[in-house]
Amino acid sequence: MNPHLTRRRLLALASLATPLAMQRAHAHHGWSSFDQDRPIYLEGQVVESRWRNPHAELVIEPPAALALPAGLQQRPLPAQSAGIDGAALLAKTVLPTRRERRWELELAPLTRMRAWQAEEIRAGDRVAAVGFTFKGEQGDAVMRVEYLFVGDKTYGLRSSPT
């Protein structure tokens, strides 16, 4: 076997794979870049659902007149294995300052979604969420979801249910 030919094939494969890897790395955000001191509220209709790992993702269209729902602070929250002060989080939840037509919601990995017994969310469904966006609301319109509200169900996505 010609070692130069093998090296060329490896380089060719690497050059094809690198853009795909970079695209995926760009699409997935690390949790440390989210402002966990400023929870925000979003709701809207799901226009796209990606129910896959590394975590489920939804794209929603919030209404033009997005408002904090009455009684958000008193909403019952499920117990979860992580020590989250959900009541305090809901008490300081605000609306995002940016008014994007679409937001991407990053949910939990599918194993955790299954632990919560969350059914797959599909385009056309309505959801609400409390979570975190980037510091200063810079960059993409992305929210890391802490609490997901679907119908009358609430899921705490930081950890598994207790």
Protein backbone atom coordinates (compact mmCIF):
# COMPACT_ATOMS: atom_id res chain seq x y z
CA MET A 1 0.00 0.00 0.00
CA ASN A 2 1.30 3.43 -0.92
CA PRO A 3 1.69 5.50 2.32
CA HIS A 4 1.32 8.80 0.40
CA LEU A 5 -1.99 7.69 -1.06
CA THR A 6 -3.27 6.71 2.41
CA ARG A 7 -2.15 10.04 3.87
CA ARG A 8 -3.94 11.89 1.03
CA ARG A 9 -7.13 9.96 1.70
CA LEU A 10 -6.95 10.78 5.40
CA LEU A 11 -6.38 14.46 4.66
CA ALA A 12 -9.28 14.47 2.20
CA LEU A 13 -11.59 12.86 4.76
CA ALA A 14 -10.45 15.27 7.46
CA SER A 15 -11.08 18.26 5.21
CA LEU A 16 -14.62 17.03 4.58
CA ALA A 17 -15.35 16.27 8.24
CA THR A 18 -13.96 19.50 9.73
CA PRO A 19 -16.72 21.85 8.46
CA LEU A 20 -19.39 19.48 9.79
CA ALA A 21 -17.72 19.29 13.20
CA MET A 22 -17.30 23.06 13.33
CA GLN A 23 -20.95 23.59 12.42
CA ARG A 24 -22.10 21.30 15.23
CA ALA A 25 -19.69 22.87 17.73
CA HIS A 26 -21.01 26.32 16.82
CA ALA A 27 -24.63 25.19 17.20
CA HIS A 28 -24.15 23.75 20.71
CA HIS A 29 -23.59 26.29 23.47
CA GLY A 30 -21.82 25.63 26.76
CA TRP A 31 -23.86 26.37 29.88
CA SER A 32 -21.32 28.80 31.39
CA SER A 33 -22.08 31.48 28.79
CA PHE A 34 -25.68 31.86 30.01
CA ASP A 35 -26.59 34.59 32.52
CA GLN A 36 -27.93 32.52 35.42
CA ASP A 37 -28.59 35.65 37.50
CA ARG A 38 -31.31 36.87 35.13
CA PRO A 39 -34.04 34.32 34.36
CA ILE A 40 -36.32 35.20 31.46
CA TYR A 41 -39.79 34.04 30.42
CA LEU A 42 -40.80 32.99 26.92
CA GLU A 43 -43.87 31.34 25.46
CA GLY A 44 -45.08 30.63 22.00
CA GLN A 45 -45.88 28.18 19.27
CA VAL A 46 -43.29 25.58 18.33
CA VAL A 47 -42.26 25.96 14.69
CA GLU A 48 -39.45 23.42 14.76
CA SER A 49 -38.62 20.51 17.06
CA ARG A 50 -35.33 18.61 17.17
CA TRP A 51 -35.92 15.74 19.59
CA ARG A 52 -32.38 14.33 19.67
CA ASN A 53 -29.15 14.39 21.65
CA PRO A 54 -27.01 16.07 22.89
CA HIS A 55 -30.24 17.78 24.00
CA ALA A 56 -33.71 18.36 22.62
CA GLU A 57 -34.22 21.75 20.98
CA LEU A 58 -37.31 23.73 20.07
CA VAL A 59 -37.70 26.83 17.95
CA ILE A 60 -40.66 28.94 19.05
CA GLU A 61 -42.35 32.11 17.85
CA PRO A 62 -43.34 34.26 20.85
CA PRO A 63 -46.41 36.47 20.49
CA ALA A 64 -45.86 40.16 19.75
CA ALA A 65 -47.52 41.05 23.07
CA LEU A 66 -45.43 38.70 25.23
CA ALA A 67 -46.18 39.27 28.92
CA LEU A 68 -45.36 37.59 32.20
CA PRO A 69 -48.36 35.45 33.18
CA ALA A 70 -50.25 36.37 36.32
CA GLY A 71 -49.35 34.01 39.12
CA LEU A 72 -46.05 32.88 37.61
CA GLN A 73 -44.37 33.31 41.00
CA GLN A 74 -46.89 31.00 42.68
CA ARG A 75 -46.76 28.27 40.04
CA PRO A 76 -46.11 24.85 41.62
CA LEU A 77 -42.76 23.39 40.62
CA PRO A 78 -41.78 19.72 40.59
CA ALA A 79 -39.16 18.32 42.95
CA GLN A 80 -35.88 17.49 41.27
CA SER A 81 -32.57 16.05 42.33
CA ALA A 82 -30.64 19.33 41.92
CA GLY A 83 -30.98 21.89 44.70
CA ILE A 84 -32.82 24.63 42.80
CA ASP A 85 -34.68 27.43 44.58
CA GLY A 86 -37.42 27.47 41.96
CA ALA A 87 -39.63 29.93 43.86
CA ALA A 88 -36.82 32.51 44.02
CA LEU A 89 -36.05 31.92 40.35
CA LEU A 90 -39.66 32.54 39.33
CA ALA A 91 -39.81 35.63 41.58
CA LYS A 92 -37.01 37.34 39.65
CA THR A 93 -38.06 36.20 36.16
CA VAL A 94 -38.36 39.01 33.61
CA LEU A 95 -39.16 39.31 29.93
CA PRO A 96 -36.25 39.41 27.49
CA THR A 97 -35.39 42.91 26.29
CA ARG A 98 -34.86 41.77 22.72
CA ARG A 99 -37.93 41.01 20.66
CA GLU A 100 -36.85 38.26 18.32
CA ARG A 101 -39.35 36.68 15.97
CA ARG A 102 -37.94 33.26 16.82
CA TRP A 103 -36.11 31.83 19.82
CA GLU A 104 -34.25 28.52 20.13
CA LEU A 105 -34.94 26.70 23.38
CA GLU A 106 -32.29 24.24 24.52
CA LEU A 107 -33.90 21.52 26.64
CA ALA A 108 -32.36 18.59 28.52
CA PRO A 109 -30.82 15.43 27.05
CA LEU A 110 -33.37 12.85 25.91
CA THR A 111 -32.58 10.54 28.83
CA ARG A 112 -33.62 13.29 31.25
CA MET A 113 -36.68 14.17 29.17
CA ARG A 114 -37.69 10.49 29.42
CA ALA A 115 -37.07 10.51 33.19
CA TRP A 116 -39.57 13.37 33.40
CA GLN A 117 -41.93 11.35 31.17
CA ALA A 118 -42.10 14.29 28.79
CA GLU A 119 -43.75 13.45 25.51
CA GLU A 120 -42.08 14.58 22.31
CA ILE A 121 -43.01 18.17 21.56
CA ARG A 122 -43.90 18.80 17.93
CA ALA A 123 -44.33 21.77 15.61
CA GLY A 124 -47.66 23.42 16.32
CA ASP A 125 -47.57 22.72 20.08
CA ARG A 126 -47.56 25.65 22.50
CA VAL A 127 -44.98 25.85 25.29
CA ALA A 128 -43.75 28.31 27.88
CA ALA A 129 -40.38 28.35 29.59
CA VAL A 130 -38.27 30.05 32.21
CA GLY A 131 -34.55 29.93 31.61
CA PHE A 132 -31.44 31.86 30.74
CA THR A 133 -30.04 33.57 27.69
CA PHE A 134 -26.57 34.92 27.00
CA LYS A 135 -25.13 37.65 29.20
CA GLY A 136 -26.39 41.02 28.05
CA GLU A 137 -28.70 39.15 25.65
CA GLN A 138 -25.84 39.21 23.15
CA GLY A 139 -25.53 36.76 20.28
CA ASP A 140 -28.17 34.31 19.15
CA ALA A 141 -31.72 34.29 20.51
CA VAL A 142 -31.16 31.14 22.57
CA MET A 143 -32.58 30.13 25.94
CA ARG A 144 -31.29 27.33 28.14
CA VAL A 145 -34.53 26.14 29.70
CA GLU A 146 -34.71 25.67 33.45
CA TYR A 147 -38.48 25.05 33.67
CA LEU A 148 -40.60 23.94 30.74
CA PHE A 149 -44.38 24.34 30.86
CA VAL A 150 -46.42 22.20 28.47
CA GLY A 151 -50.17 22.28 29.02
CA ASP A 152 -50.69 21.65 32.73
CA LYS A 153 -47.31 19.94 33.17
CA THR A 154 -44.09 21.48 34.46
CA TYR A 155 -40.67 19.93 33.94
CA GLY A 156 -37.54 20.93 35.86
CA LEU A 157 -34.80 20.37 33.33
CA ARG A 158 -31.71 21.02 35.46
CA SER A 159 -31.80 17.49 36.85
CA SER A 160 -33.92 14.36 37.16
CA PRO A 161 -37.18 14.20 39.09
CA THR A 162 -37.06 12.97 42.68
